[in-house]
N, C-alpha and C. Protein backbone atom coordinates (compact mmCIF):
# COMPACT_ATOMS: atom_id res chain seq x y z
N MET A 1 84.24 131.79 91.60
CA MET A 1 85.14 130.45 91.71
C MET A 1 86.39 130.53 90.70
N ASP A 2 86.45 131.35 89.82
CA ASP A 2 87.15 131.64 88.49
C ASP A 2 88.70 132.10 89.31
N GLY A 3 88.32 133.10 90.15
CA GLY A 3 89.62 133.73 90.97
C GLY A 3 90.42 132.67 91.64
N PHE A 4 89.66 131.76 92.50
CA PHE A 4 90.04 130.83 93.40
C PHE A 4 90.76 129.76 92.56
N LEU A 5 90.21 129.05 91.38
CA LEU A 5 90.66 128.12 90.65
C LEU A 5 91.82 128.72 89.86
N LYS A 6 91.86 129.85 89.65
CA LYS A 6 93.09 130.64 88.63
C LYS A 6 94.12 130.44 89.68
N ALA A 7 93.93 130.89 90.84
CA ALA A 7 95.12 130.95 92.06
C ALA A 7 95.74 129.64 92.11
N LEU A 8 94.64 128.71 92.36
CA LEU A 8 95.19 127.27 92.47
C LEU A 8 96.10 126.72 91.33
N GLN A 9 95.57 127.10 90.26
CA GLN A 9 96.27 126.59 88.99
C GLN A 9 97.65 127.31 88.83
N GLU A 10 97.77 128.36 89.03
CA GLU A 10 99.10 129.28 89.08
C GLU A 10 99.95 129.43 90.25
N ARG A 11 99.81 128.75 91.20
CA ARG A 11 100.39 128.49 92.31
C ARG A 11 101.46 127.67 92.05
N ARG A 12 102.60 128.09 92.29
CA ARG A 12 103.81 127.15 92.21
C ARG A 12 104.85 127.39 93.23
N SER A 13 105.78 126.61 93.49
CA SER A 13 106.98 126.76 94.44
C SER A 13 107.90 127.98 93.53
N CYS A 14 107.98 129.15 94.17
CA CYS A 14 108.66 130.20 93.60
C CYS A 14 109.95 130.46 94.40
N TYR A 15 111.14 130.06 93.85
CA TYR A 15 112.49 130.28 94.66
C TYR A 15 113.06 131.43 94.27
N ALA A 16 112.81 132.09 93.15
CA ALA A 16 113.55 133.27 93.01
C ALA A 16 112.76 134.52 93.24
N LEU A 17 112.95 135.06 94.38
CA LEU A 17 112.02 136.09 95.06
C LEU A 17 112.96 137.54 95.19
N SER A 18 112.17 138.41 95.13
CA SER A 18 112.75 139.78 95.39
C SER A 18 112.09 140.51 96.49
N LYS A 19 112.72 141.56 97.19
CA LYS A 19 112.14 142.33 98.33
C LYS A 19 110.92 143.25 97.92
N GLU A 20 110.70 143.04 96.71
CA GLU A 20 109.58 143.98 96.28
C GLU A 20 108.32 143.31 96.55
N SER A 21 107.09 144.02 96.89
CA SER A 21 105.74 143.49 97.18
C SER A 21 104.61 144.46 96.30
N PRO A 22 103.75 143.92 95.44
CA PRO A 22 102.87 144.72 94.86
C PRO A 22 101.59 145.31 96.01
N VAL A 23 101.77 144.71 97.10
CA VAL A 23 100.85 144.92 98.11
C VAL A 23 101.33 145.38 99.42
N SER A 24 100.73 146.25 100.07
CA SER A 24 101.46 146.92 101.29
C SER A 24 101.64 145.77 102.53
N GLY A 25 102.00 146.08 103.68
CA GLY A 25 102.43 145.27 104.68
C GLY A 25 100.90 145.23 105.45
N GLU A 26 100.16 145.97 105.34
CA GLU A 26 98.92 146.22 106.14
C GLU A 26 97.89 145.35 105.29
N ALA A 27 98.02 145.27 103.77
CA ALA A 27 97.28 144.44 102.95
C ALA A 27 97.45 143.01 103.20
N LEU A 28 99.13 142.70 103.53
CA LEU A 28 99.49 141.35 103.71
C LEU A 28 98.99 140.83 104.93
N GLU A 29 98.88 141.65 106.09
CA GLU A 29 98.38 141.39 107.58
C GLU A 29 96.81 141.09 107.25
N THR A 30 96.15 141.72 106.55
CA THR A 30 94.67 141.42 106.39
C THR A 30 94.61 140.01 105.75
N LEU A 31 95.22 139.88 104.58
CA LEU A 31 95.27 138.62 103.98
C LEU A 31 95.45 137.36 105.03
N ILE A 32 96.58 137.48 105.86
CA ILE A 32 96.83 136.31 106.71
C ILE A 32 95.98 136.36 107.71
N ARG A 33 95.25 137.25 108.52
CA ARG A 33 94.09 137.30 109.49
C ARG A 33 92.92 136.56 108.73
N GLN A 34 92.74 136.80 107.55
CA GLN A 34 91.48 136.48 107.13
C GLN A 34 91.61 134.83 106.73
N ALA A 35 92.76 134.63 106.30
CA ALA A 35 93.13 133.36 106.14
C ALA A 35 92.89 132.35 107.40
N VAL A 36 93.62 132.81 108.37
CA VAL A 36 93.36 132.13 109.66
C VAL A 36 91.97 132.11 110.15
N LYS A 37 91.32 133.01 110.20
CA LYS A 37 89.98 133.11 110.48
C LYS A 37 89.19 132.04 109.88
N HIS A 38 89.10 132.00 108.37
CA HIS A 38 88.11 131.27 107.71
C HIS A 38 88.52 129.76 107.19
N THR A 39 89.77 129.49 107.54
CA THR A 39 90.14 128.23 107.29
C THR A 39 89.66 127.26 108.23
N PRO A 40 88.89 126.16 107.70
CA PRO A 40 88.18 125.15 108.51
C PRO A 40 89.22 124.27 109.25
N SER A 41 88.53 123.63 110.47
CA SER A 41 89.16 122.85 111.49
C SER A 41 88.35 121.98 111.98
N ALA A 42 88.57 120.65 112.15
CA ALA A 42 87.90 119.69 112.76
C ALA A 42 87.31 120.19 114.11
N PHE A 43 85.95 119.83 114.40
CA PHE A 43 85.46 120.31 115.54
C PHE A 43 85.54 121.84 115.98
N ASN A 44 85.95 122.46 114.62
CA ASN A 44 86.19 124.01 115.06
C ASN A 44 87.11 124.48 115.79
N MET A 45 87.98 123.63 116.05
CA MET A 45 88.98 123.91 117.22
C MET A 45 90.03 124.83 116.93
N GLN A 46 90.18 125.38 115.69
CA GLN A 46 90.95 126.73 115.42
C GLN A 46 92.46 126.59 116.13
N SER A 47 93.08 125.79 115.88
CA SER A 47 94.38 125.44 116.64
C SER A 47 95.42 126.12 115.63
N GLY A 48 95.13 126.47 114.47
CA GLY A 48 96.08 127.10 113.74
C GLY A 48 96.45 128.47 113.87
N ARG A 49 97.74 128.64 114.07
CA ARG A 49 98.29 130.07 114.11
C ARG A 49 99.72 130.39 113.27
N ALA A 50 99.55 131.70 112.93
CA ALA A 50 100.42 132.25 112.05
C ALA A 50 101.40 133.45 112.53
N VAL A 51 102.54 133.50 112.04
CA VAL A 51 103.22 134.72 112.33
C VAL A 51 103.65 135.33 111.00
N LEU A 52 103.64 136.79 110.99
CA LEU A 52 104.02 137.10 109.54
C LEU A 52 105.25 138.15 109.92
N LEU A 53 106.38 137.89 109.14
CA LEU A 53 107.50 138.61 109.51
C LEU A 53 107.92 139.23 108.05
N LEU A 54 107.99 140.70 108.51
CA LEU A 54 108.48 141.62 107.46
C LEU A 54 109.67 142.31 107.64
N GLY A 55 110.37 142.74 106.69
CA GLY A 55 111.46 143.75 106.86
C GLY A 55 112.69 142.88 107.78
N ALA A 56 113.22 143.69 108.62
CA ALA A 56 114.32 143.17 109.32
C ALA A 56 113.97 141.74 110.07
N HIS A 57 112.66 141.52 110.40
CA HIS A 57 112.15 140.30 111.19
C HIS A 57 112.37 139.22 110.29
N HIS A 58 111.96 139.58 108.86
CA HIS A 58 112.14 138.30 107.99
C HIS A 58 113.71 137.98 107.61
N ASP A 59 114.35 139.10 107.65
CA ASP A 59 115.99 138.74 107.35
C ASP A 59 116.50 138.10 108.67
N LYS A 60 115.99 138.38 109.73
CA LYS A 60 116.51 137.72 111.00
C LYS A 60 116.18 136.16 111.21
N LEU A 61 114.98 135.73 110.63
CA LEU A 61 114.75 134.45 110.38
C LEU A 61 115.66 133.49 109.59
N TRP A 62 115.92 134.12 108.53
CA TRP A 62 116.72 133.27 107.40
C TRP A 62 118.26 133.55 108.04
N GLN A 63 118.66 134.61 108.72
CA GLN A 63 120.04 134.45 109.61
C GLN A 63 120.08 133.29 110.56
N ILE A 64 119.00 133.35 111.48
CA ILE A 64 119.06 132.12 112.41
C ILE A 64 118.90 130.88 111.59
N THR A 65 118.36 130.59 110.59
CA THR A 65 118.18 129.34 109.86
C THR A 65 119.54 128.94 109.18
N LEU A 66 120.31 129.96 108.80
CA LEU A 66 121.73 129.72 108.24
C LEU A 66 122.59 129.57 109.24
N GLU A 67 122.63 130.36 110.42
CA GLU A 67 123.54 129.94 111.44
C GLU A 67 123.19 128.49 112.13
N THR A 68 121.99 128.03 112.24
CA THR A 68 121.57 126.87 112.47
C THR A 68 122.25 125.74 111.76
N LEU A 69 121.97 125.78 110.53
CA LEU A 69 122.58 124.80 109.50
C LEU A 69 124.22 124.88 109.42
N ALA A 70 124.44 125.92 109.41
CA ALA A 70 126.03 126.02 109.53
C ALA A 70 126.86 125.19 110.61
N ALA A 71 126.06 124.97 111.63
CA ALA A 71 126.56 124.10 112.83
C ALA A 71 126.54 122.50 112.55
N ILE A 72 125.70 122.26 111.37
CA ILE A 72 125.36 120.74 111.40
C ILE A 72 125.60 120.45 109.99
N VAL A 73 125.66 121.26 109.01
CA VAL A 73 125.96 120.89 107.51
C VAL A 73 127.49 120.72 107.21
N PRO A 74 127.90 119.66 106.57
CA PRO A 74 129.34 119.56 106.41
C PRO A 74 129.79 120.86 105.49
N ARG A 75 131.00 121.31 105.77
CA ARG A 75 131.45 122.32 105.06
C ARG A 75 131.55 122.23 103.69
N ASP A 76 131.89 120.97 103.26
CA ASP A 76 131.98 120.97 101.70
C ASP A 76 130.69 121.08 101.17
N ARG A 77 129.61 120.83 101.84
CA ARG A 77 128.35 120.97 101.28
C ARG A 77 127.59 122.10 101.67
N PHE A 78 128.12 123.11 102.50
CA PHE A 78 127.45 124.41 102.87
C PHE A 78 127.26 125.24 101.81
N ALA A 79 128.09 125.48 100.90
CA ALA A 79 127.82 126.47 99.73
C ALA A 79 126.46 126.38 98.95
N ALA A 80 125.93 125.16 98.71
CA ALA A 80 124.68 124.88 98.26
C ALA A 80 123.52 125.44 99.34
N THR A 81 123.68 125.03 100.40
CA THR A 81 122.83 125.40 101.62
C THR A 81 122.76 126.93 101.79
N GLU A 82 123.77 127.47 101.59
CA GLU A 82 124.05 129.14 102.06
C GLU A 82 123.26 129.75 100.76
N GLN A 83 123.48 129.22 99.50
CA GLN A 83 122.95 129.87 98.32
C GLN A 83 121.35 129.60 98.47
N LYS A 84 120.87 128.69 98.96
CA LYS A 84 119.33 128.25 98.95
C LYS A 84 118.81 129.17 100.24
N ILE A 85 119.46 129.43 101.14
CA ILE A 85 118.90 130.13 102.42
C ILE A 85 119.03 131.66 101.78
N ALA A 86 119.89 132.22 101.15
CA ALA A 86 120.16 133.35 100.38
C ALA A 86 118.94 133.76 99.60
N GLY A 87 118.40 132.74 98.84
CA GLY A 87 117.30 132.88 98.05
C GLY A 87 116.08 133.23 98.83
N PHE A 88 115.79 132.61 99.98
CA PHE A 88 114.70 132.75 100.82
C PHE A 88 114.62 134.13 101.42
N ALA A 89 116.02 134.39 102.09
CA ALA A 89 116.19 135.71 102.70
C ALA A 89 115.81 136.99 101.46
N ALA A 90 116.26 136.84 99.94
CA ALA A 90 115.75 137.74 99.05
C ALA A 90 114.52 138.13 99.11
N GLY A 91 113.61 137.38 99.78
CA GLY A 91 112.23 137.64 99.66
C GLY A 91 111.76 138.95 100.24
N HIS A 92 110.25 139.30 100.24
CA HIS A 92 109.87 140.23 100.96
C HIS A 92 109.45 140.00 102.48
N GLY A 93 109.07 138.68 102.56
CA GLY A 93 108.59 138.20 104.19
C GLY A 93 108.49 136.98 104.13
N THR A 94 107.98 136.52 105.23
CA THR A 94 107.79 135.19 105.65
C THR A 94 106.67 135.00 106.58
N VAL A 95 105.92 133.96 106.35
CA VAL A 95 104.86 133.52 107.00
C VAL A 95 105.27 132.22 107.84
N LEU A 96 105.12 132.01 109.16
CA LEU A 96 105.44 130.91 109.76
C LEU A 96 104.34 130.35 110.14
N PHE A 97 104.04 128.90 110.11
CA PHE A 97 102.94 128.50 110.39
C PHE A 97 102.84 127.26 111.47
N PHE A 98 101.99 127.64 112.54
CA PHE A 98 102.03 126.72 114.03
C PHE A 98 100.78 126.00 114.15
N ASP A 99 100.93 125.08 114.82
CA ASP A 99 99.68 124.59 115.58
C ASP A 99 99.81 124.73 117.10
N ASP A 100 98.75 125.01 117.72
CA ASP A 100 98.79 125.51 118.89
C ASP A 100 98.40 124.11 119.94
N ALA A 101 99.50 123.25 120.33
CA ALA A 101 99.29 122.03 120.93
C ALA A 101 98.39 121.94 122.16
N ALA A 102 98.35 123.05 122.76
CA ALA A 102 97.50 123.24 123.82
C ALA A 102 96.01 123.22 123.41
N VAL A 103 95.72 123.66 122.51
CA VAL A 103 94.41 123.72 122.02
C VAL A 103 93.98 122.20 121.27
N THR A 104 94.93 121.96 120.54
CA THR A 104 94.72 120.56 120.17
C THR A 104 94.54 119.45 121.18
N GLY A 105 95.45 119.57 122.28
CA GLY A 105 95.24 118.66 123.37
C GLY A 105 94.28 118.87 124.26
N ALA A 106 93.62 119.93 124.28
CA ALA A 106 92.43 120.11 125.06
C ALA A 106 91.24 119.31 124.52
N TYR A 107 91.08 119.69 123.14
CA TYR A 107 90.18 119.10 122.36
C TYR A 107 90.10 117.42 122.51
N ALA A 108 91.47 116.68 122.33
CA ALA A 108 91.55 115.41 122.48
C ALA A 108 91.22 115.02 124.00
N GLN A 109 91.32 115.59 125.01
CA GLN A 109 90.91 115.51 126.37
C GLN A 109 89.32 115.41 126.40
N GLN A 110 88.92 116.60 125.82
CA GLN A 110 87.33 116.60 125.77
C GLN A 110 86.70 115.42 125.13
N ASN A 111 87.12 114.73 124.06
CA ASN A 111 86.61 114.10 123.40
C ASN A 111 87.38 112.71 123.22
N PRO A 112 87.35 111.84 124.10
CA PRO A 112 88.33 110.79 124.32
C PRO A 112 88.19 109.79 123.41
N ALA A 113 86.86 109.72 122.74
CA ALA A 113 86.61 108.76 121.66
C ALA A 113 87.26 108.85 120.17
N TYR A 114 87.76 110.21 120.15
CA TYR A 114 88.50 110.54 119.05
C TYR A 114 90.02 111.44 119.51
N ARG A 115 90.54 110.85 120.67
CA ARG A 115 91.86 111.18 120.94
C ARG A 115 92.75 111.40 120.08
N ASP A 116 92.95 110.48 119.56
CA ASP A 116 94.34 109.88 118.56
C ASP A 116 94.00 110.73 117.26
N ASN A 117 92.77 111.07 116.93
CA ASN A 117 92.53 111.76 115.76
C ASN A 117 93.01 113.24 115.61
N PHE A 118 93.00 114.05 116.89
CA PHE A 118 93.15 115.36 116.74
C PHE A 118 94.52 115.84 116.33
N PRO A 119 95.64 115.21 116.65
CA PRO A 119 96.75 115.67 115.99
C PRO A 119 96.96 115.52 114.48
N VAL A 120 96.10 114.46 114.12
CA VAL A 120 95.86 113.95 112.61
C VAL A 120 95.21 115.43 111.98
N TRP A 121 94.08 115.54 112.72
CA TRP A 121 92.86 116.61 111.94
C TRP A 121 93.73 118.09 112.11
N ALA A 122 94.58 118.29 113.07
CA ALA A 122 95.24 119.68 113.16
C ALA A 122 96.24 119.83 112.09
N GLN A 123 96.96 118.53 111.61
CA GLN A 123 97.84 118.89 110.65
C GLN A 123 97.04 118.95 109.05
N GLN A 124 95.89 118.55 109.18
CA GLN A 124 95.10 118.52 107.83
C GLN A 124 94.65 120.02 107.91
N ALA A 125 94.13 120.62 108.89
CA ALA A 125 93.91 121.81 108.97
C ALA A 125 95.03 123.04 108.81
N ALA A 126 96.08 122.51 109.15
CA ALA A 126 97.46 123.23 108.82
C ALA A 126 97.51 123.44 107.40
N GLY A 127 97.56 122.13 106.75
CA GLY A 127 97.97 122.12 105.38
C GLY A 127 96.71 123.07 104.46
N MET A 128 95.62 123.02 104.93
CA MET A 128 94.43 123.98 104.17
C MET A 128 94.77 125.37 104.56
N LEU A 129 95.39 125.68 105.69
CA LEU A 129 95.78 127.14 106.08
C LEU A 129 96.77 127.40 105.16
N GLN A 130 97.96 126.61 104.95
CA GLN A 130 99.04 127.08 104.23
C GLN A 130 98.67 127.10 102.73
N LEU A 131 97.68 126.17 102.15
CA LEU A 131 97.44 126.49 100.96
C LEU A 131 96.59 127.85 100.68
N ALA A 132 95.85 127.79 101.79
CA ALA A 132 94.94 129.30 101.70
C ALA A 132 95.70 130.42 101.30
N VAL A 133 96.87 130.64 102.30
CA VAL A 133 97.44 131.69 102.28
C VAL A 133 98.40 131.74 100.97
N TRP A 134 98.80 130.54 100.46
CA TRP A 134 99.54 130.58 99.21
C TRP A 134 98.94 131.02 98.16
N ALA A 135 97.66 130.39 98.08
CA ALA A 135 96.85 130.79 96.89
C ALA A 135 96.42 132.47 96.97
N LEU A 136 96.13 133.08 98.10
CA LEU A 136 96.05 134.22 98.36
C LEU A 136 97.26 135.15 98.05
N LEU A 137 98.37 134.71 98.31
CA LEU A 137 99.52 135.22 98.02
C LEU A 137 99.94 135.46 96.51
N GLU A 138 99.58 134.15 95.75
CA GLU A 138 99.65 134.00 94.21
C GLU A 138 98.60 135.07 93.63
N GLU A 139 97.58 135.17 94.31
CA GLU A 139 96.27 136.11 93.66
C GLU A 139 96.72 137.55 93.83
N ALA A 140 97.59 137.80 95.13
CA ALA A 140 98.16 139.18 95.28
C ALA A 140 99.41 139.47 94.23
N GLY A 141 99.89 138.53 93.60
CA GLY A 141 100.89 138.73 92.66
C GLY A 141 102.43 138.58 93.26
N LEU A 142 102.27 137.74 94.41
CA LEU A 142 103.47 137.39 94.78
C LEU A 142 103.80 135.92 94.58
N GLY A 143 105.20 135.57 94.67
CA GLY A 143 105.65 133.98 94.62
C GLY A 143 105.94 133.70 95.92
N ALA A 144 105.91 132.16 96.36
CA ALA A 144 106.11 131.79 97.49
C ALA A 144 106.63 130.42 97.33
N SER A 145 107.18 129.62 98.29
CA SER A 145 107.36 128.45 98.52
C SER A 145 107.15 127.73 100.00
N LEU A 146 107.26 126.67 100.32
CA LEU A 146 106.89 126.02 101.80
C LEU A 146 108.13 125.51 101.98
N GLN A 147 108.63 125.78 103.09
CA GLN A 147 109.76 125.20 103.80
C GLN A 147 109.62 124.71 104.98
N HIS A 148 110.63 123.58 105.49
CA HIS A 148 110.49 123.02 106.68
C HIS A 148 111.69 122.81 107.39
N TYR A 149 112.17 123.92 108.12
CA TYR A 149 113.52 123.77 108.83
C TYR A 149 113.16 123.46 110.33
N ASN A 150 112.01 123.40 110.35
CA ASN A 150 111.72 122.84 111.90
C ASN A 150 111.96 121.28 111.99
N PRO A 151 112.35 120.87 113.13
CA PRO A 151 112.33 121.31 114.35
C PRO A 151 113.87 122.10 114.75
N LEU A 152 114.74 122.06 113.53
CA LEU A 152 115.88 122.65 113.90
C LEU A 152 115.87 124.00 114.34
N ILE A 153 115.17 124.82 114.04
CA ILE A 153 114.92 126.42 114.46
C ILE A 153 113.88 126.76 115.36
N ASP A 154 113.09 125.81 115.95
CA ASP A 154 112.03 125.86 116.82
C ASP A 154 112.43 126.95 117.86
N GLU A 155 113.35 126.45 118.79
CA GLU A 155 113.73 127.15 119.89
C GLU A 155 114.16 128.69 119.72
N ALA A 156 115.06 128.69 118.59
CA ALA A 156 115.64 130.18 118.37
C ALA A 156 114.30 130.89 117.79
N VAL A 157 113.51 130.44 117.26
CA VAL A 157 112.43 131.26 116.52
C VAL A 157 111.41 131.61 117.92
N LYS A 158 111.30 130.74 118.75
CA LYS A 158 110.34 130.90 119.83
C LYS A 158 110.76 132.16 120.98
N GLN A 159 112.43 132.02 120.84
CA GLN A 159 112.98 132.99 121.85
C GLN A 159 112.92 134.56 120.76
N ALA A 160 113.21 134.52 119.64
CA ALA A 160 113.37 135.73 118.85
C ALA A 160 112.12 136.55 118.87
N TRP A 161 111.04 135.70 118.85
CA TRP A 161 109.69 136.40 118.65
C TRP A 161 108.64 136.04 119.87
N GLN A 162 109.13 135.55 120.84
CA GLN A 162 108.01 135.69 122.18
C GLN A 162 107.26 134.46 121.70
N ILE A 163 107.34 133.48 121.08
CA ILE A 163 106.13 132.42 120.70
C ILE A 163 105.73 131.73 121.82
N PRO A 164 104.60 131.48 122.07
CA PRO A 164 104.20 130.62 123.34
C PRO A 164 104.78 129.19 123.06
N ASP A 165 105.11 128.52 124.10
CA ASP A 165 105.85 127.41 124.30
C ASP A 165 104.87 126.02 123.37
N SER A 166 103.56 126.52 123.67
CA SER A 166 102.51 125.31 123.24
C SER A 166 102.44 125.42 121.53
N TRP A 167 103.05 126.46 121.01
CA TRP A 167 102.83 126.81 119.64
C TRP A 167 103.94 125.85 118.71
N GLN A 168 103.46 124.74 118.06
CA GLN A 168 104.66 123.82 117.27
C GLN A 168 104.73 124.24 115.96
N LEU A 169 105.94 124.75 115.53
CA LEU A 169 106.22 125.15 114.16
C LEU A 169 106.13 123.99 113.30
N LEU A 170 105.38 124.42 112.03
CA LEU A 170 104.93 123.38 111.14
C LEU A 170 105.80 123.61 109.88
N ALA A 171 105.96 124.79 109.60
CA ALA A 171 106.34 125.52 108.19
C ALA A 171 106.66 126.81 108.09
N GLN A 172 107.61 127.27 107.14
CA GLN A 172 107.91 128.40 106.91
C GLN A 172 107.65 128.95 105.35
N MET A 173 106.88 130.01 104.97
CA MET A 173 106.73 130.42 103.60
C MET A 173 107.19 131.58 103.33
N PRO A 174 108.45 131.52 102.69
CA PRO A 174 109.01 132.77 102.32
C PRO A 174 108.43 133.48 100.93
N PHE A 175 108.05 134.66 100.88
CA PHE A 175 107.55 135.12 99.87
C PHE A 175 107.87 136.28 99.19
N GLY A 176 107.77 136.88 97.98
CA GLY A 176 108.26 137.96 97.50
C GLY A 176 107.71 138.20 96.33
N ALA A 177 107.82 139.33 95.41
CA ALA A 177 107.59 139.34 94.08
C ALA A 177 108.49 138.44 93.16
N PRO A 178 108.07 137.72 92.58
CA PRO A 178 108.95 136.87 91.64
C PRO A 178 109.91 137.50 90.72
N ALA A 179 111.15 136.88 91.00
CA ALA A 179 112.34 137.35 90.32
C ALA A 179 112.60 136.46 89.10
N GLY A 180 112.09 135.67 88.86
CA GLY A 180 112.15 134.55 87.82
C GLY A 180 111.05 133.73 87.66
N ALA A 181 111.13 132.99 86.69
CA ALA A 181 109.79 132.20 86.35
C ALA A 181 110.07 130.65 87.25
N PRO A 182 109.07 130.36 88.05
CA PRO A 182 109.23 129.00 88.56
C PRO A 182 109.55 127.91 87.55
N GLY A 183 109.44 126.54 88.23
CA GLY A 183 109.97 125.62 87.19
C GLY A 183 108.61 125.21 86.79
N GLU A 184 108.73 124.17 85.83
CA GLU A 184 107.40 123.75 85.12
C GLU A 184 106.82 122.62 86.12
N LYS A 185 105.41 122.50 86.16
CA LYS A 185 104.72 121.63 87.05
C LYS A 185 104.36 120.56 86.24
N THR A 186 104.58 119.35 86.76
CA THR A 186 104.24 118.16 86.12
C THR A 186 103.01 117.51 86.86
N PHE A 187 102.38 116.76 85.87
CA PHE A 187 100.94 116.17 86.94
C PHE A 187 100.94 114.73 86.23
N GLU A 188 100.67 114.16 87.23
CA GLU A 188 100.27 112.43 87.20
C GLU A 188 98.98 112.45 86.39
N PRO A 189 98.68 111.34 85.66
CA PRO A 189 97.40 111.37 85.00
C PRO A 189 96.09 111.29 86.09
N LEU A 190 95.39 112.14 85.82
CA LEU A 190 93.83 112.24 86.56
C LEU A 190 93.33 111.05 86.76
N GLU A 191 93.26 110.26 85.64
CA GLU A 191 92.45 108.87 85.61
C GLU A 191 93.08 108.17 86.61
N LYS A 192 94.53 108.25 87.08
CA LYS A 192 94.97 107.19 88.24
C LYS A 192 94.67 107.92 89.61
N ARG A 193 94.25 109.23 89.63
CA ARG A 193 94.08 109.80 90.93
C ARG A 193 92.51 110.27 91.29
N VAL A 194 91.54 110.23 90.26
CA VAL A 194 90.30 110.49 90.60
C VAL A 194 89.31 109.41 90.04
N LYS A 195 88.55 108.99 91.00
CA LYS A 195 87.49 108.13 90.36
C LYS A 195 85.89 108.70 90.43
N VAL A 196 85.21 108.53 89.55
CA VAL A 196 83.99 109.35 89.52
C VAL A 196 83.06 107.99 89.29
N TYR A 197 81.87 108.11 90.10
CA TYR A 197 80.79 107.11 89.95
C TYR A 197 79.48 107.81 89.83
N ARG A 198 78.74 107.56 88.84
CA ARG A 198 77.33 108.21 88.57
C ARG A 198 76.30 107.27 88.31
């Protein structure tokens, strides 16, 4: 328990990343596969999906994102956007998180009494998967952050990596060896957030 709690405590949004990684691509692949396999989901529907992009594939994702944003961000504000995207591209890799809407939809059809809940439950499972991956990356000595350039980049991503049409892009997690300290994390008082009755 100490290892998992430590990873949760030390996990931060890390924006200063480098191309370095203390673990191999094979180890990262295993980490992602195990997180996807063991993250819980309602009715055990297992609709969460992940794509690991390393090397030139990681660089391509952030080039797609930059080009997409260049078409919609006003020129006088684009320098800040360009700098932000360059920070993500400076990392070692990116994990793309998806929900397979075909699976979620099938479970909704099979369980009409709960039909409206399945998209919500899928999002909850996706959040758990993202945290699981983030904590595991932290434990492996990598910094990461969670980004949401969907739906702007959805179609380009699907075309670039032959992603099935039913996969809905939910988030992007650029990661790499930390190249700087993350910002300070602040907390609301727990007395306002947790109630205990004994």
